[in-house]
């Protein structure tokens, strides 16, 4: 049993995915607060918008790790969400700062339900990813020879 570069990449991916799970849960709580009128939209968007680019960057970093380690199946597993992130960011509302959420339209019922659904799907994807990376790390540790 040897600790290879691929196993290290899967370990880092698990740690980063835990952070992404936390961010997805934070987004879900924030949208629930908006839905129940606990916070105003401007304050909530000022909290959520700075977290968009770090989330996307962390997910792309995980995929870059898989690319340089030669784990192309896990890279292909992550490509659809990366494509969705790029598409979503390219079609964001015109604002003066970086981010996806516009305070004037986030309280729209369709927009709020879309963001909630997106958050649940991302949370499920990250949870499944965490266990896939755990399995792949253990598999890599067990099958590697030094």
C-alpha atoms as a PDB file:
ATOM      1  CA  UNK A   1       0.000   0.000   0.000  1.00  0.00           C
ATOM      2  CA  UNK A   2       1.582   3.255  -1.181  1.00  0.00           C
ATOM      3  CA  UNK A   3       0.385   6.817  -0.949  1.00  0.00           C
ATOM      4  CA  UNK A   4       0.368   8.002  -4.561  1.00  0.00           C
ATOM      5  CA  UNK A   5      -0.220  11.401  -6.121  1.00  0.00           C
ATOM      6  CA  UNK A   6      -3.706  10.294  -7.201  1.00  0.00           C
ATOM      7  CA  UNK A   7      -4.556   9.347  -3.609  1.00  0.00           C
ATOM      8  CA  UNK A   8      -3.344  12.765  -2.477  1.00  0.00           C
ATOM      9  CA  UNK A   9      -5.543  14.404  -5.106  1.00  0.00           C
ATOM     10  CA  UNK A  10      -8.567  12.440  -3.904  1.00  0.00           C
ATOM     11  CA  UNK A  11      -7.778  13.403  -0.301  1.00  0.00           C
ATOM     12  CA  UNK A  12      -7.564  17.090  -1.231  1.00  0.00           C
ATOM     13  CA  UNK A  13     -10.758  16.729  -3.268  1.00  0.00           C
ATOM     14  CA  UNK A  14     -12.548  15.286  -0.238  1.00  0.00           C
ATOM     15  CA  UNK A  15     -11.442  18.202   1.946  1.00  0.00           C
ATOM     16  CA  UNK A  16     -12.411  20.782  -0.663  1.00  0.00           C
ATOM     17  CA  UNK A  17     -15.724  19.029  -1.267  1.00  0.00           C
ATOM     18  CA  UNK A  18     -16.465  19.276   2.461  1.00  0.00           C
ATOM     19  CA  UNK A  19     -15.985  23.043   2.126  1.00  0.00           C
ATOM     20  CA  UNK A  20     -18.256  23.068  -0.938  1.00  0.00           C
ATOM     21  CA  UNK A  21     -20.910  21.144   1.013  1.00  0.00           C
ATOM     22  CA  UNK A  22     -20.714  23.809   3.720  1.00  0.00           C
ATOM     23  CA  UNK A  23     -21.100  26.557   1.088  1.00  0.00           C
ATOM     24  CA  UNK A  24     -24.101  24.798  -0.471  1.00  0.00           C
ATOM     25  CA  UNK A  25     -25.766  24.485   2.942  1.00  0.00           C
ATOM     26  CA  UNK A  26     -25.003  28.154   3.646  1.00  0.00           C
ATOM     27  CA  UNK A  27     -26.652  29.128   0.349  1.00  0.00           C
ATOM     28  CA  UNK A  28     -29.700  27.011   1.174  1.00  0.00           C
ATOM     29  CA  UNK A  29     -30.071  28.657   4.584  1.00  0.00           C
ATOM     30  CA  UNK A  30     -29.677  32.106   3.010  1.00  0.00           C
ATOM     31  CA  UNK A  31     -32.387  31.445   0.428  1.00  0.00           C
ATOM     32  CA  UNK A  32     -34.676  30.080   3.122  1.00  0.00           C
ATOM     33  CA  UNK A  33     -34.139  33.278   5.107  1.00  0.00           C
ATOM     34  CA  UNK A  34     -35.103  35.267   2.036  1.00  0.00           C
ATOM     35  CA  UNK A  35     -38.183  33.125   1.502  1.00  0.00           C
ATOM     36  CA  UNK A  36     -39.360  33.671   5.068  1.00  0.00           C
ATOM     37  CA  UNK A  37     -38.407  37.400   5.094  1.00  0.00           C
ATOM     38  CA  UNK A  38     -35.840  37.152   7.885  1.00  0.00           C
ATOM     39  CA  UNK A  39     -33.288  39.204   5.930  1.00  0.00           C
ATOM     40  CA  UNK A  40     -33.573  41.845   3.280  1.00  0.00           C
ATOM     41  CA  UNK A  41     -32.453  41.024  -0.268  1.00  0.00           C
ATOM     42  CA  UNK A  42     -29.662  43.619  -0.461  1.00  0.00           C
ATOM     43  CA  UNK A  43     -27.960  42.332   2.675  1.00  0.00           C
ATOM     44  CA  UNK A  44     -28.343  38.721   1.570  1.00  0.00           C
ATOM     45  CA  UNK A  45     -26.949  39.379  -1.916  1.00  0.00           C
ATOM     46  CA  UNK A  46     -24.000  41.238  -0.401  1.00  0.00           C
ATOM     47  CA  UNK A  47     -23.332  38.109   1.665  1.00  0.00           C
ATOM     48  CA  UNK A  48     -23.839  35.537  -1.117  1.00  0.00           C
ATOM     49  CA  UNK A  49     -22.205  37.222  -4.117  1.00  0.00           C
ATOM     50  CA  UNK A  50     -18.618  37.146  -2.750  1.00  0.00           C
ATOM     51  CA  UNK A  51     -18.954  33.357  -2.260  1.00  0.00           C
ATOM     52  CA  UNK A  52     -19.815  32.536  -5.889  1.00  0.00           C
ATOM     53  CA  UNK A  53     -16.348  32.827  -7.456  1.00  0.00           C
ATOM     54  CA  UNK A  54     -14.558  30.942  -4.633  1.00  0.00           C
ATOM     55  CA  UNK A  55     -17.071  28.082  -5.000  1.00  0.00           C
ATOM     56  CA  UNK A  56     -16.500  27.921  -8.741  1.00  0.00           C
ATOM     57  CA  UNK A  57     -12.733  28.220  -8.297  1.00  0.00           C
ATOM     58  CA  UNK A  58     -12.580  25.400  -5.755  1.00  0.00           C
ATOM     59  CA  UNK A  59     -14.600  23.119  -8.002  1.00  0.00           C
ATOM     60  CA  UNK A  60     -12.360  23.902 -10.974  1.00  0.00           C
ATOM     61  CA  UNK A  61      -9.277  23.304  -8.819  1.00  0.00           C
ATOM     62  CA  UNK A  62     -10.570  19.831  -7.944  1.00  0.00           C
ATOM     63  CA  UNK A  63     -11.048  19.094 -11.630  1.00  0.00           C
ATOM     64  CA  UNK A  64      -7.558  20.397 -12.396  1.00  0.00           C
ATOM     65  CA  UNK A  65      -6.166  18.026  -9.759  1.00  0.00           C
ATOM     66  CA  UNK A  66      -7.939  15.114 -11.421  1.00  0.00           C
ATOM     67  CA  UNK A  67      -6.631  16.167 -14.812  1.00  0.00           C
ATOM     68  CA  UNK A  68      -2.972  16.276 -13.728  1.00  0.00           C
ATOM     69  CA  UNK A  69      -3.289  13.030 -11.755  1.00  0.00           C
ATOM     70  CA  UNK A  70      -4.780  11.169 -14.723  1.00  0.00           C
ATOM     71  CA  UNK A  71      -8.163  10.421 -13.116  1.00  0.00           C
ATOM     72  CA  UNK A  72     -10.146  11.137 -16.243  1.00  0.00           C
ATOM     73  CA  UNK A  73     -13.349   9.379 -15.129  1.00  0.00           C
ATOM     74  CA  UNK A  74     -13.698  11.685 -12.137  1.00  0.00           C
ATOM     75  CA  UNK A  75     -12.774  14.617 -14.356  1.00  0.00           C
ATOM     76  CA  UNK A  76     -15.600  13.688 -16.741  1.00  0.00           C
ATOM     77  CA  UNK A  77     -17.898  13.345 -13.709  1.00  0.00           C
ATOM     78  CA  UNK A  78     -17.172  16.995 -12.824  1.00  0.00           C
ATOM     79  CA  UNK A  79     -17.292  18.511 -16.312  1.00  0.00           C
ATOM     80  CA  UNK A  80     -21.117  18.939 -16.487  1.00  0.00           C
ATOM     81  CA  UNK A  81     -21.189  21.031 -13.299  1.00  0.00           C
ATOM     82  CA  UNK A  82     -18.237  23.105 -14.516  1.00  0.00           C
ATOM     83  CA  UNK A  83     -20.054  23.731 -17.806  1.00  0.00           C
ATOM     84  CA  UNK A  84     -23.159  24.739 -15.850  1.00  0.00           C
ATOM     85  CA  UNK A  85     -21.103  27.116 -13.672  1.00  0.00           C
ATOM     86  CA  UNK A  86     -19.577  28.760 -16.745  1.00  0.00           C
ATOM     87  CA  UNK A  87     -22.971  29.078 -18.437  1.00  0.00           C
ATOM     88  CA  UNK A  88     -24.585  30.446 -15.278  1.00  0.00           C
ATOM     89  CA  UNK A  89     -21.838  32.991 -14.723  1.00  0.00           C
ATOM     90  CA  UNK A  90     -21.906  34.155 -18.347  1.00  0.00           C
ATOM     91  CA  UNK A  91     -25.672  34.767 -18.118  1.00  0.00           C
ATOM     92  CA  UNK A  92     -25.582  36.567 -14.780  1.00  0.00           C
ATOM     93  CA  UNK A  93     -27.402  39.885 -14.350  1.00  0.00           C
ATOM     94  CA  UNK A  94     -25.447  43.031 -15.144  1.00  0.00           C
ATOM     95  CA  UNK A  95     -24.083  44.336 -11.850  1.00  0.00           C
ATOM     96  CA  UNK A  96     -21.176  46.452 -10.705  1.00  0.00           C
ATOM     97  CA  UNK A  97     -19.631  43.581  -8.711  1.00  0.00           C
ATOM     98  CA  UNK A  98     -18.982  39.896  -9.258  1.00  0.00           C
ATOM     99  CA  UNK A  99     -21.723  37.475  -8.345  1.00  0.00           C
ATOM    100  CA  UNK A 100     -24.952  35.933  -9.545  1.00  0.00           C
ATOM    101  CA  UNK A 101     -27.615  37.377  -7.326  1.00  0.00           C
ATOM    102  CA  UNK A 102     -29.306  40.688  -8.061  1.00  0.00           C
ATOM    103  CA  UNK A 103     -31.132  42.216  -5.059  1.00  0.00           C
ATOM    104  CA  UNK A 104     -33.884  43.642  -7.248  1.00  0.00           C
ATOM    105  CA  UNK A 105     -34.914  40.299  -8.732  1.00  0.00           C
ATOM    106  CA  UNK A 106     -33.942  37.703  -6.128  1.00  0.00           C
ATOM    107  CA  UNK A 107     -37.255  38.012  -4.296  1.00  0.00           C
ATOM    108  CA  UNK A 108     -39.143  37.018  -7.445  1.00  0.00           C
ATOM    109  CA  UNK A 109     -40.860  33.701  -6.658  1.00  0.00           C
ATOM    110  CA  UNK A 110     -39.546  32.006  -9.799  1.00  0.00           C
ATOM    111  CA  UNK A 111     -35.990  33.219  -9.202  1.00  0.00           C
ATOM    112  CA  UNK A 112     -36.068  32.199  -5.547  1.00  0.00           C
ATOM    113  CA  UNK A 113     -37.422  28.721  -6.299  1.00  0.00           C
ATOM    114  CA  UNK A 114     -34.837  28.295  -9.082  1.00  0.00           C
ATOM    115  CA  UNK A 115     -32.029  29.225  -6.692  1.00  0.00           C
ATOM    116  CA  UNK A 116     -33.382  26.861  -4.029  1.00  0.00           C
ATOM    117  CA  UNK A 117     -33.614  23.989  -6.529  1.00  0.00           C
ATOM    118  CA  UNK A 118     -30.109  24.741  -7.792  1.00  0.00           C
ATOM    119  CA  UNK A 119     -28.832  24.705  -4.215  1.00  0.00           C
ATOM    120  CA  UNK A 120     -30.411  21.324  -3.464  1.00  0.00           C
ATOM    121  CA  UNK A 121     -29.004  19.821  -6.656  1.00  0.00           C
ATOM    122  CA  UNK A 122     -25.519  21.163  -5.914  1.00  0.00           C
ATOM    123  CA  UNK A 123     -25.728  19.865  -2.353  1.00  0.00           C
ATOM    124  CA  UNK A 124     -26.666  16.407  -3.617  1.00  0.00           C
ATOM    125  CA  UNK A 125     -23.876  16.510  -6.212  1.00  0.00           C
ATOM    126  CA  UNK A 126     -21.272  17.500  -3.618  1.00  0.00           C
ATOM    127  CA  UNK A 127     -22.453  14.859  -1.141  1.00  0.00           C
ATOM    128  CA  UNK A 128     -22.284  12.139  -3.771  1.00  0.00           C
ATOM    129  CA  UNK A 129     -18.903  13.480  -4.890  1.00  0.00           C
ATOM    130  CA  UNK A 130     -17.548  13.302  -1.348  1.00  0.00           C
ATOM    131  CA  UNK A 131     -18.316   9.597  -1.089  1.00  0.00           C
ATOM    132  CA  UNK A 132     -17.080   8.888  -4.632  1.00  0.00           C
ATOM    133  CA  UNK A 133     -13.775  10.591  -3.806  1.00  0.00           C
ATOM    134  CA  UNK A 134     -13.558   8.664  -0.533  1.00  0.00           C
ATOM    135  CA  UNK A 135     -14.102   5.395  -2.356  1.00  0.00           C
ATOM    136  CA  UNK A 136     -11.628   6.298  -5.090  1.00  0.00           C
ATOM    137  CA  UNK A 137      -8.997   7.326  -2.531  1.00  0.00           C
ATOM    138  CA  UNK A 138      -9.336   4.015  -0.682  1.00  0.00           C
ATOM    139  CA  UNK A 139      -9.301   2.123  -3.986  1.00  0.00           C
ATOM    140  CA  UNK A 140      -6.161   3.978  -5.064  1.00  0.00           C
ATOM    141  CA  UNK A 141      -4.449   3.253  -1.753  1.00  0.00           C
ATOM    142  CA  UNK A 142      -5.310  -0.436  -1.816  1.00  0.00           C
ATOM    143  CA  UNK A 143      -4.450  -1.139  -5.461  1.00  0.00           C
ATOM    144  CA  UNK A 144      -1.260   0.916  -5.724  1.00  0.00           C
ATOM    145  CA  UNK A 145       2.076  -0.840  -5.414  1.00  0.00           C
ATOM    146  CA  UNK A 146       5.306   0.797  -4.441  1.00  0.00           C
END
